[in-house]
Amino acid sequence: MKTFFSICCLFFAGQVTAQDTTKRYTKVPVGFLMVLRQGDDVLAHIEALALKEKIPSANFSGMGFVNAKFGFFNFDTKEYEPREFNNVELASMQGSIAWQKGKVSLHTHGVVTDRDFKAYGGHLLSAVVGTGSVEILVTVHDKQLERVMEQPLGANVLQIDASYRPSRK
């Protein structure tokens, strides 16, 4: 009986997801307003919006409820040291949309708080909407911006001047 119940739950959960046609964003004077719901992948939806609407570059800000993974960039190893926080309030999220080698490139930071009002934050590696929703305002810019891997920094840096080339010290 337990197996049958599990199969039914998986079947019906799949049906809800397959039939979910809720509109996730609308055009506004500065760009787009996005409202994501429980289970939505925040960064994937922002990337999909950038692709579908052909956004040349943008900044975004948001708030809501998430399960988040932050990373602290270790300049010695050139890798993020991750830490996860579940069932937290996204007090603030900000980021930018640019392009790198023909693909959408997001750079996102944020701050979450737990039920004890302790705050945690940093580079947002992933976020899935928890209970409730996440509201995001995407402010679109009029020119396409690119990110370039800069050395010796070992990080992708937004280029606002196409003629700029970092020194190779």
C-alpha atoms as a PDB file:
ATOM      1  CA  MET A   1       0.000   0.000   0.000  1.00  0.00           C
ATOM      2  CA  LYS A   2       2.835   2.395   0.865  1.00  0.00           C
ATOM      3  CA  THR A   3       4.422   1.855  -2.591  1.00  0.00           C
ATOM      4  CA  PHE A   4       1.073   2.478  -4.323  1.00  0.00           C
ATOM      5  CA  PHE A   5       0.641   5.694  -2.320  1.00  0.00           C
ATOM      6  CA  SER A   6       4.165   6.848  -3.252  1.00  0.00           C
ATOM      7  CA  ILE A   7       3.532   6.140  -6.942  1.00  0.00           C
ATOM      8  CA  CYS A   8       0.223   8.025  -6.815  1.00  0.00           C
ATOM      9  CA  CYS A   9       1.907  11.015  -5.121  1.00  0.00           C
ATOM     10  CA  LEU A  10       4.637  11.069  -7.767  1.00  0.00           C
ATOM     11  CA  PHE A  11       2.053  10.776 -10.556  1.00  0.00           C
ATOM     12  CA  PHE A  12      -0.132  13.585  -9.249  1.00  0.00           C
ATOM     13  CA  ALA A  13       2.879  15.798  -8.424  1.00  0.00           C
ATOM     14  CA  GLY A  14       4.019  15.342 -12.022  1.00  0.00           C
ATOM     15  CA  GLN A  15       0.554  16.231 -13.285  1.00  0.00           C
ATOM     16  CA  VAL A  16       0.488  19.456 -11.295  1.00  0.00           C
ATOM     17  CA  THR A  17       3.911  20.435 -12.642  1.00  0.00           C
ATOM     18  CA  ALA A  18       3.009  19.481 -16.209  1.00  0.00           C
ATOM     19  CA  GLN A  19      -0.226  21.488 -16.088  1.00  0.00           C
ATOM     20  CA  ASP A  20       1.261  24.538 -14.358  1.00  0.00           C
ATOM     21  CA  THR A  21       0.783  27.340 -16.860  1.00  0.00           C
ATOM     22  CA  THR A  22       0.908  30.169 -14.331  1.00  0.00           C
ATOM     23  CA  LYS A  23       2.408  33.254 -15.928  1.00  0.00           C
ATOM     24  CA  ARG A  24       5.694  34.068 -14.175  1.00  0.00           C
ATOM     25  CA  TYR A  25       6.416  37.608 -15.444  1.00  0.00           C
ATOM     26  CA  THR A  26       4.937  40.715 -17.015  1.00  0.00           C
ATOM     27  CA  LYS A  27       6.414  43.678 -18.899  1.00  0.00           C
ATOM     28  CA  VAL A  28       6.705  46.921 -16.908  1.00  0.00           C
ATOM     29  CA  PRO A  29       8.154  50.335 -17.945  1.00  0.00           C
ATOM     30  CA  VAL A  30      11.692  49.557 -16.634  1.00  0.00           C
ATOM     31  CA  GLY A  31      11.779  45.928 -17.760  1.00  0.00           C
ATOM     32  CA  PHE A  32       9.972  42.976 -16.195  1.00  0.00           C
ATOM     33  CA  LEU A  33       8.277  42.034 -12.931  1.00  0.00           C
ATOM     34  CA  MET A  34       8.566  38.340 -12.099  1.00  0.00           C
ATOM     35  CA  VAL A  35       6.662  36.402  -9.425  1.00  0.00           C
ATOM     36  CA  LEU A  36       7.893  32.871  -8.786  1.00  0.00           C
ATOM     37  CA  ARG A  37       6.073  30.200  -6.805  1.00  0.00           C
ATOM     38  CA  GLN A  38       6.993  27.320  -4.513  1.00  0.00           C
ATOM     39  CA  GLY A  39       9.447  24.929  -6.177  1.00  0.00           C
ATOM     40  CA  ASP A  40      10.570  27.363  -8.892  1.00  0.00           C
ATOM     41  CA  ASP A  41      14.317  27.612  -9.530  1.00  0.00           C
ATOM     42  CA  VAL A  42      15.006  31.348  -9.170  1.00  0.00           C
ATOM     43  CA  LEU A  43      18.194  31.599 -11.232  1.00  0.00           C
ATOM     44  CA  ALA A  44      16.880  29.300 -13.981  1.00  0.00           C
ATOM     45  CA  HIS A  45      13.780  31.488 -14.383  1.00  0.00           C
ATOM     46  CA  ILE A  46      15.883  34.656 -14.604  1.00  0.00           C
ATOM     47  CA  GLU A  47      18.098  33.021 -17.247  1.00  0.00           C
ATOM     48  CA  ALA A  48      15.051  31.822 -19.209  1.00  0.00           C
ATOM     49  CA  LEU A  49      13.570  35.340 -19.115  1.00  0.00           C
ATOM     50  CA  ALA A  50      16.841  36.833 -20.435  1.00  0.00           C
ATOM     51  CA  LEU A  51      16.874  34.336 -23.317  1.00  0.00           C
ATOM     52  CA  LYS A  52      13.194  34.546 -24.224  1.00  0.00           C
ATOM     53  CA  GLU A  53      13.009  38.348 -24.072  1.00  0.00           C
ATOM     54  CA  LYS A  54      16.492  38.840 -25.581  1.00  0.00           C
ATOM     55  CA  ILE A  55      17.581  41.053 -22.686  1.00  0.00           C
ATOM     56  CA  PRO A  56      20.895  42.729 -23.642  1.00  0.00           C
ATOM     57  CA  SER A  57      21.847  43.337 -19.988  1.00  0.00           C
ATOM     58  CA  ALA A  58      20.021  44.147 -16.773  1.00  0.00           C
ATOM     59  CA  ASN A  59      20.107  44.422 -13.019  1.00  0.00           C
ATOM     60  CA  PHE A  60      17.600  42.689 -10.788  1.00  0.00           C
ATOM     61  CA  SER A  61      16.457  42.735  -7.195  1.00  0.00           C
ATOM     62  CA  GLY A  62      14.162  40.426  -5.302  1.00  0.00           C
ATOM     63  CA  MET A  63      12.717  39.170  -2.026  1.00  0.00           C
ATOM     64  CA  GLY A  64      10.672  36.236  -0.792  1.00  0.00           C
ATOM     65  CA  PHE A  65      11.095  32.768   0.710  1.00  0.00           C
ATOM     66  CA  VAL A  66      13.758  30.299  -0.453  1.00  0.00           C
ATOM     67  CA  ASN A  67      16.016  27.370   0.092  1.00  0.00           C
ATOM     68  CA  ALA A  68      19.367  28.903  -0.858  1.00  0.00           C
ATOM     69  CA  LYS A  69      22.964  27.929  -1.442  1.00  0.00           C
ATOM     70  CA  PHE A  70      25.572  30.655  -0.975  1.00  0.00           C
ATOM     71  CA  GLY A  71      29.210  30.484  -1.886  1.00  0.00           C
ATOM     72  CA  PHE A  72      32.204  32.348  -0.527  1.00  0.00           C
ATOM     73  CA  PHE A  73      34.808  32.790  -3.282  1.00  0.00           C
ATOM     74  CA  ASN A  74      38.195  31.493  -2.155  1.00  0.00           C
ATOM     75  CA  PHE A  75      40.775  33.473  -4.143  1.00  0.00           C
ATOM     76  CA  ASP A  76      43.484  30.886  -3.396  1.00  0.00           C
ATOM     77  CA  THR A  77      41.577  27.929  -4.876  1.00  0.00           C
ATOM     78  CA  LYS A  78      39.457  30.039  -7.319  1.00  0.00           C
ATOM     79  CA  GLU A  79      36.392  28.059  -6.191  1.00  0.00           C
ATOM     80  CA  TYR A  80      33.268  28.799  -4.155  1.00  0.00           C
ATOM     81  CA  GLU A  81      32.982  27.316  -0.669  1.00  0.00           C
ATOM     82  CA  PRO A  82      29.233  26.492  -0.487  1.00  0.00           C
ATOM     83  CA  ARG A  83      26.782  26.547   2.406  1.00  0.00           C
ATOM     84  CA  GLU A  84      23.034  25.794   2.268  1.00  0.00           C
ATOM     85  CA  PHE A  85      20.201  27.479   4.149  1.00  0.00           C
ATOM     86  CA  ASN A  86      16.693  26.003   4.046  1.00  0.00           C
ATOM     87  CA  ASN A  87      13.341  27.586   4.854  1.00  0.00           C
ATOM     88  CA  VAL A  88      14.721  31.107   5.068  1.00  0.00           C
ATOM     89  CA  GLU A  89      13.436  34.516   4.107  1.00  0.00           C
ATOM     90  CA  LEU A  90      15.214  36.155   1.177  1.00  0.00           C
ATOM     91  CA  ALA A  91      15.552  39.615   2.700  1.00  0.00           C
ATOM     92  CA  SER A  92      17.417  40.957  -0.303  1.00  0.00           C
ATOM     93  CA  MET A  93      18.697  39.663  -3.632  1.00  0.00           C
ATOM     94  CA  GLN A  94      20.500  41.712  -6.237  1.00  0.00           C
ATOM     95  CA  GLY A  95      22.343  40.796  -9.366  1.00  0.00           C
ATOM     96  CA  SER A  96      23.155  41.492 -12.961  1.00  0.00           C
ATOM     97  CA  ILE A  97      22.416  39.842 -16.277  1.00  0.00           C
ATOM     98  CA  ALA A  98      25.107  39.902 -18.960  1.00  0.00           C
ATOM     99  CA  TRP A  99      26.460  37.555 -21.628  1.00  0.00           C
ATOM    100  CA  GLN A 100      29.554  35.385 -21.830  1.00  0.00           C
ATOM    101  CA  LYS A 101      30.511  33.414 -24.935  1.00  0.00           C
ATOM    102  CA  GLY A 102      26.944  33.598 -26.265  1.00  0.00           C
ATOM    103  CA  LYS A 103      25.281  32.431 -23.043  1.00  0.00           C
ATOM    104  CA  VAL A 104      23.414  34.256 -20.282  1.00  0.00           C
ATOM    105  CA  SER A 105      25.719  35.084 -17.374  1.00  0.00           C
ATOM    106  CA  LEU A 106      24.203  35.921 -13.987  1.00  0.00           C
ATOM    107  CA  HIS A 107      26.048  37.407 -11.036  1.00  0.00           C
ATOM    108  CA  THR A 108      23.840  37.240  -7.956  1.00  0.00           C
ATOM    109  CA  HIS A 109      24.277  38.099  -4.285  1.00  0.00           C
ATOM    110  CA  GLY A 110      21.772  38.025  -1.476  1.00  0.00           C
ATOM    111  CA  VAL A 111      20.961  37.987   2.203  1.00  0.00           C
ATOM    112  CA  VAL A 112      18.658  35.506   3.939  1.00  0.00           C
ATOM    113  CA  THR A 113      17.382  35.486   7.495  1.00  0.00           C
ATOM    114  CA  ASP A 114      16.241  32.613   9.668  1.00  0.00           C
ATOM    115  CA  ARG A 115      13.492  32.505  12.274  1.00  0.00           C
ATOM    116  CA  ASP A 116      15.936  33.834  14.905  1.00  0.00           C
ATOM    117  CA  PHE A 117      16.594  36.868  12.647  1.00  0.00           C
ATOM    118  CA  LYS A 118      20.172  35.768  12.014  1.00  0.00           C
ATOM    119  CA  ALA A 119      21.349  36.963   8.608  1.00  0.00           C
ATOM    120  CA  TYR A 120      23.552  35.070   6.151  1.00  0.00           C
ATOM    121  CA  GLY A 121      24.617  36.144   2.709  1.00  0.00           C
ATOM    122  CA  GLY A 122      27.048  36.206  -0.123  1.00  0.00           C
ATOM    123  CA  HIS A 123      27.243  34.976  -3.701  1.00  0.00           C
ATOM    124  CA  LEU A 124      23.980  33.160  -4.470  1.00  0.00           C
ATOM    125  CA  LEU A 125      24.814  29.848  -6.175  1.00  0.00           C
ATOM    126  CA  SER A 126      21.228  28.557  -6.225  1.00  0.00           C
ATOM    127  CA  ALA A 127      17.788  29.326  -4.841  1.00  0.00           C
ATOM    128  CA  VAL A 128      14.497  27.477  -4.993  1.00  0.00           C
ATOM    129  CA  VAL A 129      11.295  29.167  -3.880  1.00  0.00           C
ATOM    130  CA  GLY A 130      10.155  27.783  -0.531  1.00  0.00           C
ATOM    131  CA  THR A 131       6.761  28.418   1.002  1.00  0.00           C
ATOM    132  CA  GLY A 132       5.256  31.550  -0.434  1.00  0.00           C
ATOM    133  CA  SER A 133       6.763  33.326  -3.421  1.00  0.00           C
ATOM    134  CA  VAL A 134       9.687  35.371  -4.670  1.00  0.00           C
ATOM    135  CA  GLU A 135       9.176  38.756  -6.358  1.00  0.00           C
ATOM    136  CA  ILE A 136      11.876  40.017  -8.735  1.00  0.00           C
ATOM    137  CA  LEU A 137      12.183  43.310 -10.591  1.00  0.00           C
ATOM    138  CA  VAL A 138      14.421  43.116 -13.681  1.00  0.00           C
ATOM    139  CA  THR A 139      15.611  46.541 -14.852  1.00  0.00           C
ATOM    140  CA  VAL A 140      16.693  46.222 -18.496  1.00  0.00           C
ATOM    141  CA  HIS A 141      19.595  48.227 -19.977  1.00  0.00           C
ATOM    142  CA  ASP A 142      19.865  49.442 -23.561  1.00  0.00           C
ATOM    143  CA  LYS A 143      23.215  47.856 -24.456  1.00  0.00           C
ATOM    144  CA  GLN A 144      24.558  44.328 -24.381  1.00  0.00           C
ATOM    145  CA  LEU A 145      27.226  43.776 -21.758  1.00  0.00           C
ATOM    146  CA  GLU A 146      29.696  40.896 -21.611  1.00  0.00           C
ATOM    147  CA  ARG A 147      31.571  39.152 -18.825  1.00  0.00           C
ATOM    148  CA  VAL A 148      35.194  38.153 -19.341  1.00  0.00           C
ATOM    149  CA  MET A 149      37.384  35.855 -17.257  1.00  0.00           C
ATOM    150  CA  GLU A 150      40.140  38.088 -15.896  1.00  0.00           C
ATOM    151  CA  GLN A 151      43.496  36.818 -14.684  1.00  0.00           C
ATOM    152  CA  PRO A 152      45.163  36.755 -12.258  1.00  0.00           C
ATOM    153  CA  LEU A 153      41.861  37.376 -10.440  1.00  0.00           C
ATOM    154  CA  GLY A 154      40.383  34.121 -11.777  1.00  0.00           C
ATOM    155  CA  ALA A 155      36.866  35.539 -11.856  1.00  0.00           C
ATOM    156  CA  ASN A 156      34.370  36.669 -14.491  1.00  0.00           C
ATOM    157  CA  VAL A 157      34.183  40.472 -14.572  1.00  0.00           C
ATOM    158  CA  LEU A 158      31.478  42.607 -16.180  1.00  0.00           C
ATOM    159  CA  GLN A 159      32.935  44.715 -19.013  1.00  0.00           C
ATOM    160  CA  ILE A 160      31.366  48.138 -19.436  1.00  0.00           C
ATOM    161  CA  ASP A 161      34.073  49.314 -21.829  1.00  0.00           C
ATOM    162  CA  ALA A 162      34.744  46.908 -24.703  1.00  0.00           C
ATOM    163  CA  SER A 163      38.209  48.401 -25.263  1.00  0.00           C
ATOM    164  CA  TYR A 164      39.359  47.763 -21.673  1.00  0.00           C
ATOM    165  CA  ARG A 165      41.889  44.953 -21.222  1.00  0.00           C
ATOM    166  CA  PRO A 166      43.145  44.153 -17.697  1.00  0.00           C
ATOM    167  CA  SER A 167      46.885  44.229 -17.094  1.00  0.00           C
ATOM    168  CA  ARG A 168      48.645  40.866 -17.174  1.00  0.00           C
ATOM    169  CA  LYS A 169      50.802  41.270 -14.057  1.00  0.00           C
END
